[in-house]
Amino acid sequence: MLRSISARLLALLLFVGCDAAPRLSLEREPVAPPSAPRASSIPVDEGSAAAGTIRIASYNIQVFGTSKIGKPHVMDILADVARRFDIIAIQEIRSIDQTVLPRFVDLINAGGASYAYLIGPRLGRTSSKEQYAFVYNSDRIELGQAPAYTVNDPEDLLHREPIVASFRVRGPSPERAFTFQLANIHTDPDETDTELDALAEVFVAVQRASAEDDVILLGDLNVDEYNLGRLGQLPGIVYAISGTTTNTRRTRMYDNLVFDGRFTAEFTGRAGVLDLIAEYGLTEAQALEVSDHFPVWAEFSALETEVGDLVAERPSAGVR
């Protein structure tokens, strides 16, 4: 029987640009101010995103550290990928060097973009720690009022506990702007059954702990849409990516965005996988230098939608 995480959903302060991970806290604490963009803002190409919408993405950038940051041809692709989305949840930052993400965001902003970031503490049971991050276009997205935190798991059911942060679309009035919480996760591929069941409790706990019912759990789940365990059995659960592969070798599905379709009616039904091989004319070997995963994304209305006003439809199988 799964031991409860819900009753012990604690807060761990996220940090930005700090070297030492903060200690566990029994109360939620606000995060430090996010990184400020270091370049002046100019319009950024948003690709084929429909007017009045935002695109939220997830990307496992395999072993993202100093070795990868030192490859300009790889980093140019990663920066271009990031600029296609309004916010991107990143998994598998794996480096003691805490300049990796700031250097990446500087590269994103080199052409005049205005991206900022939040980064969590180094997590994991072994010496090979990983960090989660959110990189977002600060011209279009701002932090919400709820403090960001890392879910504390005192019974160690999760290898790398998700970080949760609140965001709001900029432009519309605060009362009308789409406000949402993102839970960024990278499951242990050897413990997906246990972890996905635990994540079901985390998902419900995050919903109940805040007045914000738009909760999107996104990341590298290491399973396809049909093997989400108790997470996939929650009432109203919707997965954005279906019927396709998300790894660079095009053999498996690992990554997704999961939310409660009864509440997150802002989902437009548009979602997909950014295939770097097709998009950038790469060989498989070249694409694997970037990552063994492709980015996944979903599109949402920039305006808050009253439940019942819109019924979101799942994208057709094989959307890329």
Foldseek 3Di string as FASTA:
>chain_A
DFDFLLVQFFFFEFEEPDLDGGDTDRHHDAHDDWDWFPFAADDFDQDPFDPQKFKEKEEEFAQQEDVLLPDVVLLVVVLNVCSNGQKYKYWNPWYSDSCRVVSSSNSNCVVRFTKIKTKGDFFFDDPGTMIMMMIGRVVFKDFDPDHKGFTDDVVPLFGGTWIKTKMWTPDDDPVWFDIAMETEDAGDLVRLQSVLLNVLSVLVSVCVVDVHQHYKYWYFSNAALVPSHVNNVPAQKDWQADQFDWFLVRPHHGTIIIHRQQQQLQFAQDKAWDHCCVVVVDDSVVVVSRPRGTMIMTMGRRTHDDRPPGGHDHHDHPHD
